[in-house]
C-alpha atoms as a PDB file:
ATOM      1  CA  UNK A   1     271.719  -7.948   7.284  1.00  0.00           C
ATOM      2  CA  UNK A   2     271.803  -5.993  10.540  1.00  0.00           C
ATOM      3  CA  UNK A   3     268.689  -3.886  11.263  1.00  0.00           C
ATOM      4  CA  UNK A   4     269.382  -0.162  11.521  1.00  0.00           C
ATOM      5  CA  UNK A   5     267.332   2.372  13.453  1.00  0.00           C
ATOM      6  CA  UNK A   6     267.910   5.893  14.692  1.00  0.00           C
ATOM      7  CA  UNK A   7     268.117   6.585  18.430  1.00  0.00           C
ATOM      8  CA  UNK A   8     265.084   7.797  20.362  1.00  0.00           C
ATOM      9  CA  UNK A   9     263.348  10.222  19.840  1.00  0.00           C
ATOM     10  CA  UNK A  10     264.049  10.078  16.085  1.00  0.00           C
ATOM     11  CA  UNK A  11     263.012   6.445  16.206  1.00  0.00           C
ATOM     12  CA  UNK A  12     259.911   5.654  18.233  1.00  0.00           C
ATOM     13  CA  UNK A  13     258.724   2.098  17.620  1.00  0.00           C
ATOM     14  CA  UNK A  14     255.349   2.960  19.105  1.00  0.00           C
ATOM     15  CA  UNK A  15     254.580   5.208  16.123  1.00  0.00           C
ATOM     16  CA  UNK A  16     253.836   2.152  13.995  1.00  0.00           C
ATOM     17  CA  UNK A  17     251.775   0.491  16.741  1.00  0.00           C
ATOM     18  CA  UNK A  18     249.447   3.454  17.262  1.00  0.00           C
ATOM     19  CA  UNK A  19     246.452   2.311  15.169  1.00  0.00           C
ATOM     20  CA  UNK A  20     245.167  -0.958  13.682  1.00  0.00           C
ATOM     21  CA  UNK A  21     245.980   0.316  10.193  1.00  0.00           C
ATOM     22  CA  UNK A  22     249.595   1.089  11.081  1.00  0.00           C
ATOM     23  CA  UNK A  23     249.997  -2.225  12.866  1.00  0.00           C
ATOM     24  CA  UNK A  24     248.667  -4.047   9.805  1.00  0.00           C
ATOM     25  CA  UNK A  25     251.120  -2.254   7.531  1.00  0.00           C
ATOM     26  CA  UNK A  26     254.109  -3.405   9.585  1.00  0.00           C
ATOM     27  CA  UNK A  27     252.997  -6.935  10.505  1.00  0.00           C
ATOM     28  CA  UNK A  28     255.716  -9.336   9.396  1.00  0.00           C
ATOM     29  CA  UNK A  29     254.081 -12.776   9.688  1.00  0.00           C
ATOM     30  CA  UNK A  30     250.524 -13.264   8.475  1.00  0.00           C
ATOM     31  CA  UNK A  31     248.111 -16.171   8.710  1.00  0.00           C
ATOM     32  CA  UNK A  32     245.654 -17.016   5.945  1.00  0.00           C
ATOM     33  CA  UNK A  33     243.019 -19.675   5.381  1.00  0.00           C
ATOM     34  CA  UNK A  34     245.283 -21.137   2.707  1.00  0.00           C
ATOM     35  CA  UNK A  35     247.826 -22.012   5.404  1.00  0.00           C
ATOM     36  CA  UNK A  36     245.547 -24.565   7.081  1.00  0.00           C
ATOM     37  CA  UNK A  37     245.231 -28.345   6.884  1.00  0.00           C
ATOM     38  CA  UNK A  38     242.363 -29.754   8.952  1.00  0.00           C
ATOM     39  CA  UNK A  39     242.966 -33.193  10.571  1.00  0.00           C
ATOM     40  CA  UNK A  40     239.842 -35.350  10.892  1.00  0.00           C
ATOM     41  CA  UNK A  41     239.082 -38.692  12.527  1.00  0.00           C
ATOM     42  CA  UNK A  42     236.873 -41.119  10.599  1.00  0.00           C
ATOM     43  CA  UNK A  43     235.142 -44.196  11.974  1.00  0.00           C
ATOM     44  CA  UNK A  44     232.792 -46.843  10.621  1.00  0.00           C
ATOM     45  CA  UNK A  45     229.033 -46.555  10.822  1.00  0.00           C
ATOM     46  CA  UNK A  46     226.494 -43.957   9.779  1.00  0.00           C
ATOM     47  CA  UNK A  47     225.191 -40.820  11.442  1.00  0.00           C
ATOM     48  CA  UNK A  48     227.897 -40.980  14.105  1.00  0.00           C
ATOM     49  CA  UNK A  49     229.566 -37.979  15.717  1.00  0.00           C
ATOM     50  CA  UNK A  50     231.487 -39.330  18.690  1.00  0.00           C
ATOM     51  CA  UNK A  51     233.174 -36.822  21.028  1.00  0.00           C
ATOM     52  CA  UNK A  52     236.808 -37.397  21.985  1.00  0.00           C
ATOM     53  CA  UNK A  53     236.983 -36.477  25.702  1.00  0.00           C
ATOM     54  CA  UNK A  54     240.678 -35.510  25.650  1.00  0.00           C
ATOM     55  CA  UNK A  55     240.129 -33.239  22.614  1.00  0.00           C
ATOM     56  CA  UNK A  56     237.133 -31.006  23.414  1.00  0.00           C
ATOM     57  CA  UNK A  57     235.281 -29.972  20.277  1.00  0.00           C
ATOM     58  CA  UNK A  58     236.791 -32.749  18.126  1.00  0.00           C
ATOM     59  CA  UNK A  59     234.699 -35.785  17.161  1.00  0.00           C
ATOM     60  CA  UNK A  60     235.170 -39.076  15.388  1.00  0.00           C
ATOM     61  CA  UNK A  61     232.844 -38.924  12.388  1.00  0.00           C
ATOM     62  CA  UNK A  62     231.338 -41.606  10.205  1.00  0.00           C
ATOM     63  CA  UNK A  63     231.897 -41.094   6.487  1.00  0.00           C
ATOM     64  CA  UNK A  64     228.650 -39.152   6.031  1.00  0.00           C
ATOM     65  CA  UNK A  65     229.829 -36.733   8.727  1.00  0.00           C
ATOM     66  CA  UNK A  66     233.277 -36.522   7.168  1.00  0.00           C
ATOM     67  CA  UNK A  67     231.624 -35.517   3.888  1.00  0.00           C
ATOM     68  CA  UNK A  68     229.773 -32.694   5.616  1.00  0.00           C
ATOM     69  CA  UNK A  69     233.005 -31.561   7.261  1.00  0.00           C
ATOM     70  CA  UNK A  70     234.792 -31.704   3.896  1.00  0.00           C
ATOM     71  CA  UNK A  71     232.096 -29.534   2.362  1.00  0.00           C
ATOM     72  CA  UNK A  72     232.482 -27.130   5.289  1.00  0.00           C
ATOM     73  CA  UNK A  73     236.233 -27.002   4.667  1.00  0.00           C
ATOM     74  CA  UNK A  74     235.673 -26.175   1.006  1.00  0.00           C
ATOM     75  CA  UNK A  75     233.156 -23.459   1.894  1.00  0.00           C
ATOM     76  CA  UNK A  76     235.622 -21.906   4.346  1.00  0.00           C
ATOM     77  CA  UNK A  77     238.428 -22.005   1.777  1.00  0.00           C
ATOM     78  CA  UNK A  78     240.551 -24.544   3.681  1.00  0.00           C
ATOM     79  CA  UNK A  79     242.638 -26.172   0.936  1.00  0.00           C
ATOM     80  CA  UNK A  80     243.254 -29.600   2.485  1.00  0.00           C
ATOM     81  CA  UNK A  81     242.055 -32.064   5.092  1.00  0.00           C
ATOM     82  CA  UNK A  82     243.977 -34.987   6.597  1.00  0.00           C
ATOM     83  CA  UNK A  83     242.254 -38.281   7.432  1.00  0.00           C
ATOM     84  CA  UNK A  84     243.024 -40.541  10.379  1.00  0.00           C
ATOM     85  CA  UNK A  85     241.008 -43.758  10.806  1.00  0.00           C
ATOM     86  CA  UNK A  86     239.620 -45.186  14.026  1.00  0.00           C
ATOM     87  CA  UNK A  87     239.911 -48.857  13.138  1.00  0.00           C
ATOM     88  CA  UNK A  88     237.681 -51.571  14.556  1.00  0.00           C
ATOM     89  CA  UNK A  89     239.890 -53.479  17.043  1.00  0.00           C
ATOM     90  CA  UNK A  90     238.757 -56.728  15.409  1.00  0.00           C
ATOM     91  CA  UNK A  91     240.598 -55.642  12.239  1.00  0.00           C
ATOM     92  CA  UNK A  92     243.922 -55.018  13.985  1.00  0.00           C
ATOM     93  CA  UNK A  93     246.499 -57.734  13.413  1.00  0.00           C
ATOM     94  CA  UNK A  94     250.221 -58.339  13.803  1.00  0.00           C
ATOM     95  CA  UNK A  95     250.744 -58.170  10.014  1.00  0.00           C
ATOM     96  CA  UNK A  96     248.609 -54.985   9.674  1.00  0.00           C
ATOM     97  CA  UNK A  97     247.073 -56.272   6.426  1.00  0.00           C
ATOM     98  CA  UNK A  98     244.012 -54.021   6.817  1.00  0.00           C
ATOM     99  CA  UNK A  99     246.331 -51.045   6.154  1.00  0.00           C
ATOM    100  CA  UNK A 100     246.446 -51.815   2.428  1.00  0.00           C
ATOM    101  CA  UNK A 101     242.948 -53.222   2.012  1.00  0.00           C
ATOM    102  CA  UNK A 102     241.521 -51.206  -0.925  1.00  0.00           C
ATOM    103  CA  UNK A 103     238.174 -51.083   0.870  1.00  0.00           C
ATOM    104  CA  UNK A 104     239.390 -50.176   4.339  1.00  0.00           C
ATOM    105  CA  UNK A 105     237.793 -47.271   6.163  1.00  0.00           C
ATOM    106  CA  UNK A 106     240.365 -44.670   5.138  1.00  0.00           C
ATOM    107  CA  UNK A 107     240.276 -45.611   1.460  1.00  0.00           C
ATOM    108  CA  UNK A 108     236.473 -45.590   1.370  1.00  0.00           C
ATOM    109  CA  UNK A 109     236.520 -42.134   2.937  1.00  0.00           C
ATOM    110  CA  UNK A 110     239.062 -40.875   0.384  1.00  0.00           C
ATOM    111  CA  UNK A 111     236.923 -42.031  -2.536  1.00  0.00           C
ATOM    112  CA  UNK A 112     233.765 -40.527  -1.033  1.00  0.00           C
ATOM    113  CA  UNK A 113     235.402 -37.139  -0.432  1.00  0.00           C
ATOM    114  CA  UNK A 114     236.991 -36.945  -3.875  1.00  0.00           C
ATOM    115  CA  UNK A 115     233.631 -37.772  -5.455  1.00  0.00           C
ATOM    116  CA  UNK A 116     231.744 -35.167  -3.415  1.00  0.00           C
ATOM    117  CA  UNK A 117     234.320 -32.352  -3.105  1.00  0.00           C
ATOM    118  CA  UNK A 118     236.846 -33.002  -5.882  1.00  0.00           C
ATOM    119  CA  UNK A 119     238.758 -29.733  -5.526  1.00  0.00           C
ATOM    120  CA  UNK A 120     239.533 -30.301  -1.840  1.00  0.00           C
ATOM    121  CA  UNK A 121     242.972 -31.869  -1.353  1.00  0.00           C
ATOM    122  CA  UNK A 122     242.891 -35.053   0.697  1.00  0.00           C
ATOM    123  CA  UNK A 123     245.951 -35.938   2.754  1.00  0.00           C
ATOM    124  CA  UNK A 124     246.351 -39.327   4.392  1.00  0.00           C
ATOM    125  CA  UNK A 125     248.398 -40.917   7.151  1.00  0.00           C
ATOM    126  CA  UNK A 126     250.904 -43.601   6.123  1.00  0.00           C
ATOM    127  CA  UNK A 127     251.752 -45.558   9.259  1.00  0.00           C
ATOM    128  CA  UNK A 128     250.722 -48.910  10.653  1.00  0.00           C
ATOM    129  CA  UNK A 129     249.633 -47.939  14.176  1.00  0.00           C
ATOM    130  CA  UNK A 130     245.873 -47.720  13.419  1.00  0.00           C
ATOM    131  CA  UNK A 131     246.005 -51.323  12.160  1.00  0.00           C
ATOM    132  CA  UNK A 132     248.654 -52.813  14.441  1.00  0.00           C
ATOM    133  CA  UNK A 133     247.652 -55.023  17.354  1.00  0.00           C
ATOM    134  CA  UNK A 134     250.839 -53.768  19.053  1.00  0.00           C
ATOM    135  CA  UNK A 135     250.006 -50.069  18.514  1.00  0.00           C
ATOM    136  CA  UNK A 136     253.302 -49.327  16.772  1.00  0.00           C
ATOM    137  CA  UNK A 137     253.953 -47.512  13.496  1.00  0.00           C
ATOM    138  CA  UNK A 138     255.896 -50.511  12.192  1.00  0.00           C
ATOM    139  CA  UNK A 139     255.741 -54.285  12.293  1.00  0.00           C
ATOM    140  CA  UNK A 140     256.897 -55.905  15.521  1.00  0.00           C
ATOM    141  CA  UNK A 141     258.774 -59.162  16.059  1.00  0.00           C
ATOM    142  CA  UNK A 142     259.964 -60.302  19.499  1.00  0.00           C
ATOM    143  CA  UNK A 143     259.473 -56.778  20.817  1.00  0.00           C
ATOM    144  CA  UNK A 144     261.613 -55.215  18.050  1.00  0.00           C
ATOM    145  CA  UNK A 145     260.121 -52.746  15.559  1.00  0.00           C
ATOM    146  CA  UNK A 146     261.267 -53.987  12.162  1.00  0.00           C
ATOM    147  CA  UNK A 147     262.445 -51.397   9.664  1.00  0.00           C
ATOM    148  CA  UNK A 148     262.745 -52.923   6.189  1.00  0.00           C
ATOM    149  CA  UNK A 149     259.736 -55.225   6.556  1.00  0.00           C
ATOM    150  CA  UNK A 150     257.717 -52.225   7.762  1.00  0.00           C
ATOM    151  CA  UNK A 151     258.779 -50.215   4.709  1.00  0.00           C
ATOM    152  CA  UNK A 152     257.485 -52.991   2.449  1.00  0.00           C
ATOM    153  CA  UNK A 153     254.131 -52.847   4.232  1.00  0.00           C
ATOM    154  CA  UNK A 154     254.052 -49.037   4.033  1.00  0.00           C
ATOM    155  CA  UNK A 155     254.641 -49.189   0.281  1.00  0.00           C
ATOM    156  CA  UNK A 156     251.566 -51.408  -0.108  1.00  0.00           C
ATOM    157  CA  UNK A 157     249.589 -48.948   2.033  1.00  0.00           C
ATOM    158  CA  UNK A 158     250.891 -46.069  -0.106  1.00  0.00           C
ATOM    159  CA  UNK A 159     249.728 -47.634  -3.351  1.00  0.00           C
ATOM    160  CA  UNK A 160     246.276 -48.444  -1.946  1.00  0.00           C
ATOM    161  CA  UNK A 161     245.788 -44.824  -0.829  1.00  0.00           C
ATOM    162  CA  UNK A 162     247.018 -43.456  -4.151  1.00  0.00           C
ATOM    163  CA  UNK A 163     244.620 -45.744  -6.013  1.00  0.00           C
ATOM    164  CA  UNK A 164     241.784 -44.473  -3.801  1.00  0.00           C
ATOM    165  CA  UNK A 165     242.525 -40.906  -4.934  1.00  0.00           C
ATOM    166  CA  UNK A 166     244.655 -39.349  -2.190  1.00  0.00           C
ATOM    167  CA  UNK A 167     246.356 -36.114  -3.229  1.00  0.00           C
ATOM    168  CA  UNK A 168     248.993 -35.994  -0.466  1.00  0.00           C
ATOM    169  CA  UNK A 169     250.517 -38.908   1.410  1.00  0.00           C
ATOM    170  CA  UNK A 170     251.786 -38.248   4.928  1.00  0.00           C
ATOM    171  CA  UNK A 171     254.252 -40.928   6.052  1.00  0.00           C
ATOM    172  CA  UNK A 172     254.380 -40.519   9.829  1.00  0.00           C
ATOM    173  CA  UNK A 173     256.150 -43.770  10.687  1.00  0.00           C
ATOM    174  CA  UNK A 174     259.803 -42.592  10.864  1.00  0.00           C
ATOM    175  CA  UNK A 175     261.184 -45.816   9.359  1.00  0.00           C
ATOM    176  CA  UNK A 176     264.474 -45.365   7.522  1.00  0.00           C
ATOM    177  CA  UNK A 177     264.244 -45.378   3.730  1.00  0.00           C
ATOM    178  CA  UNK A 178     260.477 -45.234   3.432  1.00  0.00           C
ATOM    179  CA  UNK A 179     260.326 -42.048   1.322  1.00  0.00           C
ATOM    180  CA  UNK A 180     262.556 -43.435  -1.417  1.00  0.00           C
ATOM    181  CA  UNK A 181     260.645 -46.719  -1.462  1.00  0.00           C
ATOM    182  CA  UNK A 182     257.285 -44.935  -1.593  1.00  0.00           C
ATOM    183  CA  UNK A 183     258.359 -42.560  -4.346  1.00  0.00           C
ATOM    184  CA  UNK A 184     259.760 -45.378  -6.491  1.00  0.00           C
ATOM    185  CA  UNK A 185     256.580 -47.411  -6.089  1.00  0.00           C
ATOM    186  CA  UNK A 186     254.361 -44.441  -6.944  1.00  0.00           C
ATOM    187  CA  UNK A 187     256.364 -43.685 -10.092  1.00  0.00           C
ATOM    188  CA  UNK A 188     256.321 -47.307 -11.232  1.00  0.00           C
ATOM    189  CA  UNK A 189     252.543 -47.479 -10.695  1.00  0.00           C
ATOM    190  CA  UNK A 190     251.952 -44.283 -12.695  1.00  0.00           C
ATOM    191  CA  UNK A 191     251.024 -42.107  -9.705  1.00  0.00           C
ATOM    192  CA  UNK A 192     253.418 -39.370 -10.789  1.00  0.00           C
ATOM    193  CA  UNK A 193     251.352 -36.512  -9.366  1.00  0.00           C
ATOM    194  CA  UNK A 194     250.727 -37.838  -5.850  1.00  0.00           C
ATOM    195  CA  UNK A 195     252.610 -35.628  -3.394  1.00  0.00           C
ATOM    196  CA  UNK A 196     254.489 -36.758  -0.283  1.00  0.00           C
ATOM    197  CA  UNK A 197     254.446 -34.566   2.820  1.00  0.00           C
ATOM    198  CA  UNK A 198     256.993 -36.370   4.942  1.00  0.00           C
ATOM    199  CA  UNK A 199     256.893 -36.316   8.732  1.00  0.00           C
ATOM    200  CA  UNK A 200     260.633 -35.853   8.418  1.00  0.00           C
ATOM    201  CA  UNK A 201     261.376 -34.561  11.925  1.00  0.00           C
ATOM    202  CA  UNK A 202     258.917 -36.345  14.199  1.00  0.00           C
ATOM    203  CA  UNK A 203     259.867 -36.369  17.849  1.00  0.00           C
ATOM    204  CA  UNK A 204     259.067 -38.949  20.531  1.00  0.00           C
ATOM    205  CA  UNK A 205     256.746 -36.587  22.347  1.00  0.00           C
ATOM    206  CA  UNK A 206     254.436 -36.568  25.351  1.00  0.00           C
ATOM    207  CA  UNK A 207     252.071 -34.342  23.378  1.00  0.00           C
ATOM    208  CA  UNK A 208     250.550 -37.188  21.303  1.00  0.00           C
ATOM    209  CA  UNK A 209     248.396 -38.684  24.059  1.00  0.00           C
ATOM    210  CA  UNK A 210     244.973 -37.340  23.024  1.00  0.00           C
ATOM    211  CA  UNK A 211     245.612 -38.353  19.390  1.00  0.00           C
ATOM    212  CA  UNK A 212     246.238 -41.928  20.456  1.00  0.00           C
ATOM    213  CA  UNK A 213     242.915 -41.822  22.279  1.00  0.00           C
ATOM    214  CA  UNK A 214     241.275 -40.545  19.094  1.00  0.00           C
ATOM    215  CA  UNK A 215     242.541 -43.389  16.880  1.00  0.00           C
ATOM    216  CA  UNK A 216     242.200 -46.054  19.562  1.00  0.00           C
ATOM    217  CA  UNK A 217     245.941 -46.757  19.831  1.00  0.00           C
ATOM    218  CA  UNK A 218     246.477 -45.853  23.491  1.00  0.00           C
ATOM    219  CA  UNK A 219     245.420 -49.188  24.928  1.00  0.00           C
ATOM    220  CA  UNK A 220     247.112 -51.180  22.173  1.00  0.00           C
ATOM    221  CA  UNK A 221     250.564 -49.589  22.429  1.00  0.00           C
ATOM    222  CA  UNK A 222     253.116 -51.942  23.968  1.00  0.00           C
ATOM    223  CA  UNK A 223     256.284 -50.167  25.047  1.00  0.00           C
ATOM    224  CA  UNK A 224     257.312 -46.835  23.552  1.00  0.00           C
ATOM    225  CA  UNK A 225     258.407 -45.378  20.211  1.00  0.00           C
ATOM    226  CA  UNK A 226     261.867 -44.207  21.236  1.00  0.00           C
ATOM    227  CA  UNK A 227     263.700 -46.462  18.767  1.00  0.00           C
ATOM    228  CA  UNK A 228     262.206 -44.786  15.715  1.00  0.00           C
ATOM    229  CA  UNK A 229     260.972 -41.327  16.701  1.00  0.00           C
ATOM    230  CA  UNK A 230     263.502 -38.575  17.454  1.00  0.00           C
ATOM    231  CA  UNK A 231     264.908 -37.618  20.839  1.00  0.00           C
ATOM    232  CA  UNK A 232     263.551 -34.205  21.946  1.00  0.00           C
ATOM    233  CA  UNK A 233     267.077 -33.002  22.632  1.00  0.00           C
ATOM    234  CA  UNK A 234     268.246 -33.369  19.017  1.00  0.00           C
ATOM    235  CA  UNK A 235     268.330 -30.557  16.479  1.00  0.00           C
ATOM    236  CA  UNK A 236     271.115 -31.343  13.987  1.00  0.00           C
ATOM    237  CA  UNK A 237     269.633 -34.805  13.475  1.00  0.00           C
ATOM    238  CA  UNK A 238     266.406 -33.174  12.303  1.00  0.00           C
ATOM    239  CA  UNK A 239     268.291 -31.451   9.484  1.00  0.00           C
ATOM    240  CA  UNK A 240     269.920 -34.698   8.411  1.00  0.00           C
ATOM    241  CA  UNK A 241     266.525 -36.414   8.328  1.00  0.00           C
ATOM    242  CA  UNK A 242     264.923 -33.603   6.342  1.00  0.00           C
ATOM    243  CA  UNK A 243     267.777 -33.599   3.824  1.00  0.00           C
ATOM    244  CA  UNK A 244     267.495 -37.360   3.411  1.00  0.00           C
ATOM    245  CA  UNK A 245     263.740 -37.243   2.816  1.00  0.00           C
ATOM    246  CA  UNK A 246     264.042 -34.426   0.285  1.00  0.00           C
ATOM    247  CA  UNK A 247     266.754 -36.349  -1.576  1.00  0.00           C
ATOM    248  CA  UNK A 248     264.533 -39.452  -1.592  1.00  0.00           C
ATOM    249  CA  UNK A 249     261.620 -37.596  -3.181  1.00  0.00           C
ATOM    250  CA  UNK A 250     259.549 -35.834  -0.522  1.00  0.00           C
ATOM    251  CA  UNK A 251     257.765 -32.775  -1.928  1.00  0.00           C
ATOM    252  CA  UNK A 252     257.140 -31.203   1.478  1.00  0.00           C
ATOM    253  CA  UNK A 253     258.457 -31.802   4.982  1.00  0.00           C
ATOM    254  CA  UNK A 254     256.923 -31.564   8.429  1.00  0.00           C
ATOM    255  CA  UNK A 255     258.089 -30.925  11.972  1.00  0.00           C
ATOM    256  CA  UNK A 256     256.007 -32.636  14.666  1.00  0.00           C
ATOM    257  CA  UNK A 257     255.018 -31.546  17.296  1.00  0.00           C
ATOM    258  CA  UNK A 258     254.878 -27.861  16.519  1.00  0.00           C
ATOM    259  CA  UNK A 259     255.083 -25.371  19.360  1.00  0.00           C
ATOM    260  CA  UNK A 260     257.905 -27.053  21.363  1.00  0.00           C
ATOM    261  CA  UNK A 261     259.953 -27.288  18.146  1.00  0.00           C
ATOM    262  CA  UNK A 262     259.651 -23.868  16.508  1.00  0.00           C
ATOM    263  CA  UNK A 263     263.452 -23.656  16.438  1.00  0.00           C
ATOM    264  CA  UNK A 264     263.489 -26.766  14.250  1.00  0.00           C
ATOM    265  CA  UNK A 265     260.921 -25.243  11.895  1.00  0.00           C
ATOM    266  CA  UNK A 266     263.117 -22.180  11.458  1.00  0.00           C
ATOM    267  CA  UNK A 267     266.298 -24.204  10.927  1.00  0.00           C
ATOM    268  CA  UNK A 268     264.603 -26.426   8.340  1.00  0.00           C
ATOM    269  CA  UNK A 269     263.167 -23.522   6.377  1.00  0.00           C
ATOM    270  CA  UNK A 270     266.377 -21.494   6.467  1.00  0.00           C
ATOM    271  CA  UNK A 271     268.539 -24.468   5.490  1.00  0.00           C
ATOM    272  CA  UNK A 272     266.504 -26.023   2.687  1.00  0.00           C
ATOM    273  CA  UNK A 273     263.890 -23.493   1.578  1.00  0.00           C
ATOM    274  CA  UNK A 274     261.537 -26.422   0.911  1.00  0.00           C
ATOM    275  CA  UNK A 275     257.802 -26.272   1.684  1.00  0.00           C
ATOM    276  CA  UNK A 276     257.829 -26.684   5.467  1.00  0.00           C
ATOM    277  CA  UNK A 277     254.861 -27.575   7.668  1.00  0.00           C
ATOM    278  CA  UNK A 278     254.232 -28.110  11.349  1.00  0.00           C
ATOM    279  CA  UNK A 279     251.605 -30.183  13.123  1.00  0.00           C
ATOM    280  CA  UNK A 280     249.952 -28.468  16.072  1.00  0.00           C
ATOM    281  CA  UNK A 281     249.350 -31.807  17.712  1.00  0.00           C
ATOM    282  CA  UNK A 282     246.555 -33.050  19.923  1.00  0.00           C
ATOM    283  CA  UNK A 283     248.310 -32.237  23.194  1.00  0.00           C
ATOM    284  CA  UNK A 284     248.935 -28.646  22.107  1.00  0.00           C
ATOM    285  CA  UNK A 285     245.274 -28.284  21.125  1.00  0.00           C
ATOM    286  CA  UNK A 286     244.087 -29.933  24.360  1.00  0.00           C
ATOM    287  CA  UNK A 287     246.205 -27.613  26.533  1.00  0.00           C
ATOM    288  CA  UNK A 288     244.739 -24.493  24.960  1.00  0.00           C
ATOM    289  CA  UNK A 289     241.194 -25.849  25.225  1.00  0.00           C
ATOM    290  CA  UNK A 290     241.661 -26.980  28.835  1.00  0.00           C
ATOM    291  CA  UNK A 291     243.130 -23.634  29.911  1.00  0.00           C
ATOM    292  CA  UNK A 292     240.269 -21.854  28.194  1.00  0.00           C
ATOM    293  CA  UNK A 293     237.680 -24.094  29.877  1.00  0.00           C
ATOM    294  CA  UNK A 294     239.154 -23.068  33.235  1.00  0.00           C
ATOM    295  CA  UNK A 295     238.970 -19.392  32.330  1.00  0.00           C
ATOM    296  CA  UNK A 296     242.748 -19.021  32.379  1.00  0.00           C
ATOM    297  CA  UNK A 297     243.245 -17.843  28.774  1.00  0.00           C
ATOM    298  CA  UNK A 298     241.231 -16.446  25.882  1.00  0.00           C
ATOM    299  CA  UNK A 299     240.962 -19.410  23.497  1.00  0.00           C
ATOM    300  CA  UNK A 300     240.692 -17.375  20.303  1.00  0.00           C
ATOM    301  CA  UNK A 301     243.617 -15.113  21.104  1.00  0.00           C
ATOM    302  CA  UNK A 302     245.783 -18.032  22.220  1.00  0.00           C
ATOM    303  CA  UNK A 303     244.817 -20.017  19.134  1.00  0.00           C
ATOM    304  CA  UNK A 304     245.714 -17.222  16.726  1.00  0.00           C
ATOM    305  CA  UNK A 305     248.921 -16.357  18.573  1.00  0.00           C
ATOM    306  CA  UNK A 306     250.088 -19.971  18.487  1.00  0.00           C
ATOM    307  CA  UNK A 307     249.451 -20.241  14.744  1.00  0.00           C
ATOM    308  CA  UNK A 308     251.219 -16.968  14.015  1.00  0.00           C
ATOM    309  CA  UNK A 309     254.184 -18.439  15.874  1.00  0.00           C
ATOM    310  CA  UNK A 310     254.400 -21.191  13.248  1.00  0.00           C
ATOM    311  CA  UNK A 311     254.313 -18.660  10.442  1.00  0.00           C
ATOM    312  CA  UNK A 312     256.937 -16.515  12.152  1.00  0.00           C
ATOM    313  CA  UNK A 313     259.135 -19.603  12.441  1.00  0.00           C
ATOM    314  CA  UNK A 314     259.015 -20.054   8.677  1.00  0.00           C
ATOM    315  CA  UNK A 315     256.231 -22.590   8.211  1.00  0.00           C
ATOM    316  CA  UNK A 316     254.295 -22.552   4.955  1.00  0.00           C
ATOM    317  CA  UNK A 317     251.300 -24.190   6.599  1.00  0.00           C
ATOM    318  CA  UNK A 318     249.989 -25.878   9.735  1.00  0.00           C
ATOM    319  CA  UNK A 319     247.973 -28.980  10.492  1.00  0.00           C
ATOM    320  CA  UNK A 320     245.666 -27.866  13.272  1.00  0.00           C
ATOM    321  CA  UNK A 321     242.406 -29.008  14.853  1.00  0.00           C
ATOM    322  CA  UNK A 322     241.540 -25.326  15.127  1.00  0.00           C
ATOM    323  CA  UNK A 323     241.346 -25.054  11.304  1.00  0.00           C
ATOM    324  CA  UNK A 324     237.574 -24.487  10.910  1.00  0.00           C
ATOM    325  CA  UNK A 325     237.436 -22.064  13.835  1.00  0.00           C
ATOM    326  CA  UNK A 326     240.436 -20.120  12.531  1.00  0.00           C
ATOM    327  CA  UNK A 327     239.114 -20.053   8.964  1.00  0.00           C
ATOM    328  CA  UNK A 328     235.737 -18.730  10.097  1.00  0.00           C
ATOM    329  CA  UNK A 329     237.431 -15.976  12.112  1.00  0.00           C
ATOM    330  CA  UNK A 330     239.717 -14.990   9.237  1.00  0.00           C
ATOM    331  CA  UNK A 331     236.737 -14.789   6.889  1.00  0.00           C
ATOM    332  CA  UNK A 332     234.701 -12.804   9.402  1.00  0.00           C
ATOM    333  CA  UNK A 333     232.048 -15.512   9.700  1.00  0.00           C
END
């Protein structure tokens, strides 16, 4: 459909920009608290709130702190949080067995949150990098990231998280075939209602650096992730990956990172119409915070503008470290 408008002066676009009320009436993309997923970093211990230098305002929290943050999320109306564990280096191994330990840090946190704030949706990360002595999302042999063996490990991790009470599983590994294997295993185990939000179009990006600091993977990573994450120059491939994951049983799909890939968000939503999410990753967050700290931009305006960009691009929701700040602003708190 081609937009039609009369020539000036019959049509003056400024008429509908004249007052806040008129601007509100004609705003096309809107952002609500229900659009937010809040990523959190959990670590062992008690009473710990450990700042992450490369992510100002974001802390690693022990489970008691995570519970307080979960309660805050529920109070603000944020519908979901996403957990990422900071694993004790002593527990990292080549076989990544801690990933499917029923009593590992992530699974203990899931159970605690679901007991304390049962209506809050808990999303998890399904990837081996927090548990891998090599820092990779899959198992490594002779410098090669193994696909099928990694999928077998990810399935065991999936079942352990589902048993712990996770509502949404977020496979972020980018191994081929993992969605179908996960979905089959969940169905066979009776976890029919556990949702999968697939990191379907995850790019090999420079914007992940602060996140790797947060989960303790920066020093462990040997090599790069170019053999399993997408090339930043590819767009059609993203659509093929999304279609594959939807056919294999993903309920929702994600584009990661967010802001450099808004064109991918729009193509995915327009092509498939499936629930589509973006992750405003650690590097995007850190850039806004760093520019604000230097007095170069207004952090709140930049934050809101960036999130509206995701909605304008067709996203149904956003994972963002700004979630509590945004929610408080939207609720006038």
